């Protein structure tokens, strides 16, 4: 297994830096995220800094683990240790003669990239903000909420309606799914893992920490988004082991539900997020203008109830 460190580097326009593999190289002629082999005795972060300086003339100041990806090409097995760079300096150039390009994540086409890179593309397309629905008494109120959130340019919605019995929850989810498709929203239903076979087409599943604890192995053959809620290092590590697509980590700041002593604060959040290779959303006592600081602390984005719509 070849251990490779990979960098996800975004500019101020939220474009991602990619490089074209040379025609005579393995997977030649395809695009990839920059990086290289971790040398024996070298830390992953040191390898990241060295490779990006050598390849792109950029100095890496800060970065956080994003995900680990194992891939078997048949003739070669690789472990991609993917890090999201949050601080860098310099002007990017292809120092090894490779073509480089800044590309919006939504414009990336999986077939244009080396196969091991394709899960990274899926993760980069995760929206930066997640709105979590408050409890509603009427379905019409949920519909109004989805309209307002879409108008506020929030694209990922967690349907959290714990007050509903299962049959009603699935009915509401079906209605929300149809409306969300029209509005261009990505929806995940906060529910039991047992409901996966009953989810509306295209709808993902969000597990509470309790539901996450019921899983003993990653879910097989799923094609929908899977996320979870976490409140500790152990829960984050469990989420990582179960290959979820994202985790919500809370509470970052004091809330009515969580007093000041229970909040991680940004330093605590950053430490926990850096300890796992899974995309983490910051949650708890935040505002929409906290997005930049959340990303600088290793979050893929922010989530909340009261700050939306």
Protein backbone atom coordinates (compact mmCIF):
# COMPACT_ATOMS: atom_id res chain seq x y z
CA UNK A 1 0.00 0.00 0.00
CA UNK A 2 1.47 3.33 -1.07
CA UNK A 3 0.74 6.13 1.41
CA UNK A 4 0.04 9.37 -0.45
CA UNK A 5 -0.81 12.76 1.04
CA UNK A 6 -3.26 14.84 -1.00
CA UNK A 7 -4.05 18.55 -0.71
CA UNK A 8 -7.40 20.24 -1.25
CA UNK A 9 -6.45 23.89 -1.78
CA UNK A 10 -9.10 26.57 -2.33
CA UNK A 11 -8.59 30.17 -3.39
CA UNK A 12 -10.67 33.19 -2.35
CA UNK A 13 -13.23 32.33 -5.06
CA UNK A 14 -13.68 28.85 -3.54
CA UNK A 15 -12.04 27.29 -6.61
CA UNK A 16 -9.95 24.16 -6.07
CA UNK A 17 -6.43 23.66 -7.41
CA UNK A 18 -5.97 20.54 -9.56
CA UNK A 19 -3.13 19.23 -11.71
CA UNK A 20 -3.03 17.15 -14.91
CA UNK A 21 -1.04 13.92 -14.70
CA UNK A 22 1.64 13.51 -17.33
CA UNK A 23 0.68 11.16 -20.21
CA UNK A 24 3.52 8.74 -19.37
CA UNK A 25 2.54 8.42 -15.69
CA UNK A 26 0.15 6.05 -13.93
CA UNK A 27 -3.42 7.23 -14.74
CA UNK A 28 -1.79 9.65 -17.17
CA UNK A 29 -3.89 12.31 -18.88
CA UNK A 30 -6.33 12.53 -15.96
CA UNK A 31 -6.69 15.32 -13.41
CA UNK A 32 -5.80 14.85 -9.75
CA UNK A 33 -5.54 16.76 -6.51
CA UNK A 34 -1.88 17.61 -5.86
CA UNK A 35 0.29 15.72 -3.41
CA UNK A 36 2.75 12.86 -3.23
CA UNK A 37 4.21 9.96 -1.34
CA UNK A 38 4.77 10.14 2.40
CA UNK A 39 8.38 9.18 3.03
CA UNK A 40 9.41 6.74 5.77
CA UNK A 41 9.67 8.51 9.12
CA UNK A 42 7.96 11.64 7.79
CA UNK A 43 4.78 13.05 9.34
CA UNK A 44 1.84 13.46 7.01
CA UNK A 45 1.71 17.22 7.50
CA UNK A 46 5.44 17.56 6.80
CA UNK A 47 5.00 15.49 3.63
CA UNK A 48 2.10 17.74 2.63
CA UNK A 49 4.21 20.87 3.05
CA UNK A 50 7.17 19.37 1.18
CA UNK A 51 5.18 17.99 -1.75
CA UNK A 52 3.16 21.16 -2.34
CA UNK A 53 6.29 23.32 -2.17
CA UNK A 54 8.09 21.05 -4.64
CA UNK A 55 5.15 20.68 -7.02
CA UNK A 56 3.37 24.03 -6.84
CA UNK A 57 5.70 26.55 -5.16
CA UNK A 58 3.17 27.08 -2.37
CA UNK A 59 3.99 27.19 1.35
CA UNK A 60 1.38 25.46 3.55
CA UNK A 61 0.73 27.23 6.85
CA UNK A 62 -2.22 25.21 8.18
CA UNK A 63 -4.24 22.20 7.08
CA UNK A 64 -6.70 19.69 8.53
CA UNK A 65 -7.41 16.02 7.73
CA UNK A 66 -10.47 15.59 5.51
CA UNK A 67 -10.75 11.91 4.67
CA UNK A 68 -8.70 8.75 4.08
CA UNK A 69 -9.40 6.82 0.87
CA UNK A 70 -8.09 3.35 0.02
CA UNK A 71 -8.15 2.39 -3.65
CA UNK A 72 -6.99 -0.66 -5.59
CA UNK A 73 -6.07 0.09 -9.22
CA UNK A 74 -5.25 -3.58 -9.86
CA UNK A 75 -1.56 -2.90 -10.47
CA UNK A 76 -1.22 -0.55 -7.50
CA UNK A 77 -2.92 0.00 -4.14
CA UNK A 78 -2.92 3.47 -2.62
CA UNK A 79 -4.03 5.13 0.60
CA UNK A 80 -4.90 8.76 -0.02
CA UNK A 81 -4.50 10.85 3.13
CA UNK A 82 -6.55 13.89 2.09
CA UNK A 83 -6.03 17.22 3.90
CA UNK A 84 -7.88 20.50 3.45
CA UNK A 85 -5.47 23.41 3.35
CA UNK A 86 -6.70 26.49 5.21
CA UNK A 87 -3.59 28.71 5.03
CA UNK A 88 -1.08 28.93 2.19
CA UNK A 89 1.22 31.48 0.59
CA UNK A 90 2.72 32.08 -2.83
CA UNK A 91 1.49 31.86 -6.42
CA UNK A 92 0.75 28.41 -7.76
CA UNK A 93 2.88 27.22 -10.68
CA UNK A 94 3.51 23.75 -12.10
CA UNK A 95 7.15 23.39 -11.07
CA UNK A 96 7.40 19.94 -12.65
CA UNK A 97 5.97 21.06 -15.97
CA UNK A 98 2.46 19.84 -15.12
CA UNK A 99 -0.63 21.76 -16.18
CA UNK A 100 -2.55 23.20 -13.23
CA UNK A 101 -5.96 24.83 -13.00
CA UNK A 102 -8.33 26.42 -10.45
CA UNK A 103 -11.75 24.79 -10.86
CA UNK A 104 -15.11 25.29 -9.07
CA UNK A 105 -15.97 22.06 -7.24
CA UNK A 106 -19.41 21.90 -8.84
CA UNK A 107 -17.81 21.90 -12.31
CA UNK A 108 -15.62 18.86 -11.63
CA UNK A 109 -16.55 15.75 -13.59
CA UNK A 110 -15.59 12.44 -11.98
CA UNK A 111 -14.61 10.80 -15.27
CA UNK A 112 -11.90 13.42 -15.81
CA UNK A 113 -10.07 12.44 -12.59
CA UNK A 114 -7.96 9.49 -11.47
CA UNK A 115 -10.34 6.97 -9.92
CA UNK A 116 -9.01 7.29 -6.37
CA UNK A 117 -9.77 11.03 -6.46
CA UNK A 118 -13.47 10.71 -7.20
CA UNK A 119 -14.70 10.44 -3.60
CA UNK A 120 -12.89 13.71 -2.90
CA UNK A 121 -15.02 15.37 -5.56
CA UNK A 122 -18.19 14.13 -3.87
CA UNK A 123 -17.04 15.55 -0.54
CA UNK A 124 -16.09 18.90 -2.08
CA UNK A 125 -19.62 19.21 -3.41
CA UNK A 126 -21.03 19.14 0.13
CA UNK A 127 -22.75 22.49 0.73
CA UNK A 128 -21.04 24.88 3.16
CA UNK A 129 -24.17 25.35 5.27
CA UNK A 130 -26.77 22.98 6.71
CA UNK A 131 -30.10 24.23 8.00
CA UNK A 132 -31.77 22.00 10.60
CA UNK A 133 -35.54 22.31 10.74
CA UNK A 134 -37.25 23.30 13.98
CA UNK A 135 -40.25 21.21 15.02
CA UNK A 136 -43.39 22.06 13.06
CA UNK A 137 -47.00 21.27 13.86
CA UNK A 138 -48.24 21.51 10.28
CA UNK A 139 -46.84 20.27 7.01
CA UNK A 140 -47.60 23.63 5.42
CA UNK A 141 -45.20 25.27 7.90
CA UNK A 142 -42.43 22.94 6.74
CA UNK A 143 -43.16 23.86 3.12
CA UNK A 144 -42.95 27.56 3.92
CA UNK A 145 -39.68 26.98 5.74
CA UNK A 146 -38.11 25.14 2.79
CA UNK A 147 -39.11 27.98 0.47
CA UNK A 148 -37.49 30.56 2.77
CA UNK A 149 -34.30 28.56 3.25
CA UNK A 150 -33.93 28.05 -0.49
CA UNK A 151 -34.37 31.80 -1.00
CA UNK A 152 -31.57 32.36 1.55
CA UNK A 153 -29.27 30.23 -0.65
CA UNK A 154 -28.92 27.35 1.81
CA UNK A 155 -28.81 24.07 -0.11
CA UNK A 156 -28.49 21.31 2.52
CA UNK A 157 -31.42 20.72 4.87
CA UNK A 158 -31.74 18.26 7.73
CA UNK A 159 -35.36 17.31 8.28
CA UNK A 160 -35.54 16.91 12.05
CA UNK A 161 -39.09 16.28 13.22
CA UNK A 162 -38.76 14.12 16.31
CA UNK A 163 -42.36 14.82 17.36
CA UNK A 164 -43.77 12.75 14.47
CA UNK A 165 -44.52 9.02 14.46
CA UNK A 166 -42.80 7.03 11.74
CA UNK A 167 -45.67 6.95 9.24
CA UNK A 168 -46.21 10.71 9.45
CA UNK A 169 -42.46 11.35 9.28
CA UNK A 170 -42.18 9.41 6.03
CA UNK A 171 -45.20 11.24 4.62
CA UNK A 172 -43.63 14.60 5.45
CA UNK A 173 -40.30 13.43 4.04
CA UNK A 174 -41.93 12.45 0.75
CA UNK A 175 -43.61 15.85 0.47
CA UNK A 176 -40.39 17.67 1.40
CA UNK A 177 -38.41 15.59 -1.07
CA UNK A 178 -40.63 16.57 -3.98
CA UNK A 179 -40.54 20.24 -2.97
CA UNK A 180 -36.80 20.10 -2.34
CA UNK A 181 -36.17 18.70 -5.81
CA UNK A 182 -38.04 21.63 -7.33
CA UNK A 183 -36.13 24.11 -5.16
CA UNK A 184 -32.71 22.53 -5.78
CA UNK A 185 -32.26 21.41 -2.16
CA UNK A 186 -30.35 18.42 -0.82
CA UNK A 187 -32.27 16.80 2.04
CA UNK A 188 -31.26 14.39 4.80
CA UNK A 189 -33.83 12.87 7.15
CA UNK A 190 -33.01 12.62 10.84
CA UNK A 191 -34.28 9.13 11.56
CA UNK A 192 -33.43 5.56 12.47
CA UNK A 193 -31.06 3.58 10.27
CA UNK A 194 -33.93 1.10 9.84
CA UNK A 195 -35.69 3.63 7.59
CA UNK A 196 -33.06 3.60 4.85
CA UNK A 197 -35.12 1.28 2.58
CA UNK A 198 -38.12 3.63 2.95
CA UNK A 199 -36.37 6.93 2.21
CA UNK A 200 -37.71 8.94 -0.73
CA UNK A 201 -35.48 8.78 -3.82
CA UNK A 202 -32.40 10.96 -3.46
CA UNK A 203 -32.91 11.70 0.24
CA UNK A 204 -30.05 11.10 2.64
CA UNK A 205 -30.10 9.93 6.26
CA UNK A 206 -28.84 11.72 9.37
CA UNK A 207 -28.23 9.62 12.48
CA UNK A 208 -28.27 10.84 16.05
CA UNK A 209 -25.32 9.83 18.20
CA UNK A 210 -27.57 7.15 19.70
CA UNK A 211 -28.48 5.75 16.28
CA UNK A 212 -24.83 5.86 15.23
CA UNK A 213 -24.01 3.74 18.24
CA UNK A 214 -26.30 0.99 16.94
CA UNK A 215 -24.17 0.45 13.82
CA UNK A 216 -21.48 -2.20 14.01
CA UNK A 217 -20.15 -1.89 10.44
CA UNK A 218 -20.33 0.56 7.52
CA UNK A 219 -23.55 0.40 5.54
CA UNK A 220 -23.13 -1.56 2.33
CA UNK A 221 -24.23 -0.52 -1.15
CA UNK A 222 -25.67 2.85 -0.26
CA UNK A 223 -25.94 5.65 -2.78
CA UNK A 224 -27.39 8.38 -0.56
CA UNK A 225 -25.76 10.87 1.78
CA UNK A 226 -25.14 9.55 5.30
CA UNK A 227 -24.35 11.87 8.22
CA UNK A 228 -24.44 11.83 11.99
CA UNK A 229 -24.33 13.96 15.13
CA UNK A 230 -21.29 13.79 17.42
CA UNK A 231 -20.45 15.37 20.77
CA UNK A 232 -17.11 13.77 21.66
CA UNK A 233 -13.84 12.41 20.30
CA UNK A 234 -15.07 8.82 20.67
CA UNK A 235 -18.22 9.51 18.67
CA UNK A 236 -16.19 11.20 15.92
CA UNK A 237 -13.88 8.21 15.73
CA UNK A 238 -16.88 5.91 15.48
CA UNK A 239 -18.26 8.04 12.64
CA UNK A 240 -14.92 7.79 10.87
CA UNK A 241 -14.77 4.01 11.29
CA UNK A 242 -18.30 3.68 9.88
CA UNK A 243 -17.41 5.76 6.77
CA UNK A 244 -20.10 8.40 7.15
CA UNK A 245 -20.06 11.25 4.63
CA UNK A 246 -20.08 14.00 7.26
CA UNK A 247 -20.47 14.59 10.99
CA UNK A 248 -21.99 17.45 12.96
CA UNK A 249 -19.86 18.34 15.99
CA UNK A 250 -21.47 20.29 18.82
CA UNK A 251 -21.63 22.38 20.87
CA UNK A 252 -19.04 24.89 19.68
CA UNK A 253 -20.49 27.77 21.73
CA UNK A 254 -22.88 28.11 24.64
CA UNK A 255 -26.56 27.51 23.87
CA UNK A 256 -29.75 27.13 25.86
CA UNK A 257 -29.36 23.36 25.58
CA UNK A 258 -25.65 23.37 26.41
CA UNK A 259 -24.23 25.66 29.17
CA UNK A 260 -20.86 27.38 28.81
CA UNK A 261 -18.96 24.60 30.55
CA UNK A 262 -20.09 22.06 27.95
CA UNK A 263 -19.04 24.07 24.91
CA UNK A 264 -15.81 23.15 23.08
CA UNK A 265 -14.93 26.65 21.93
CA UNK A 266 -13.10 27.03 18.64
CA UNK A 267 -9.75 25.66 19.92
CA UNK A 268 -11.47 22.54 21.24
CA UNK A 269 -13.45 22.12 18.05
CA UNK A 270 -10.29 22.43 15.94
CA UNK A 271 -8.50 19.81 18.01
CA UNK A 272 -11.36 17.32 17.69
CA UNK A 273 -11.92 17.95 13.97
CA UNK A 274 -8.21 17.50 13.25
CA UNK A 275 -8.23 14.09 14.92
CA UNK A 276 -10.44 12.34 12.36
CA UNK A 277 -10.61 11.98 8.60
CA UNK A 278 -14.27 12.82 8.08
CA UNK A 279 -15.82 16.13 6.97
CA UNK A 280 -17.07 17.95 10.10
CA UNK A 281 -19.71 20.69 10.32
CA UNK A 282 -19.59 23.06 13.30
CA UNK A 283 -22.84 23.32 15.26
CA UNK A 284 -24.05 25.08 18.38
CA UNK A 285 -24.46 28.78 19.14
CA UNK A 286 -23.21 29.95 15.73
CA UNK A 287 -24.21 32.65 13.25
CA UNK A 288 -23.98 32.56 9.48
CA UNK A 289 -21.03 34.94 9.52
CA UNK A 290 -19.08 32.34 11.54
CA UNK A 291 -18.50 30.32 8.36
CA UNK A 292 -15.03 31.71 7.66
CA UNK A 293 -13.72 31.08 11.16
CA UNK A 294 -15.29 27.61 11.16
CA UNK A 295 -13.44 26.71 7.97
CA UNK A 296 -10.19 28.10 9.38
CA UNK A 297 -10.67 25.73 12.32
CA UNK A 298 -11.03 22.67 10.10
CA UNK A 299 -14.80 22.58 9.53
CA UNK A 300 -16.21 21.80 6.13
CA UNK A 301 -19.05 24.21 6.98
CA UNK A 302 -21.59 25.25 9.62
CA UNK A 303 -24.99 24.00 10.70
CA UNK A 304 -27.78 25.38 12.85
CA UNK A 305 -31.45 25.75 13.62
CA UNK A 306 -32.09 29.28 14.87
CA UNK A 307 -29.83 31.07 12.36
CA UNK A 308 -31.97 29.93 9.43
CA UNK A 309 -33.76 31.05 7.42
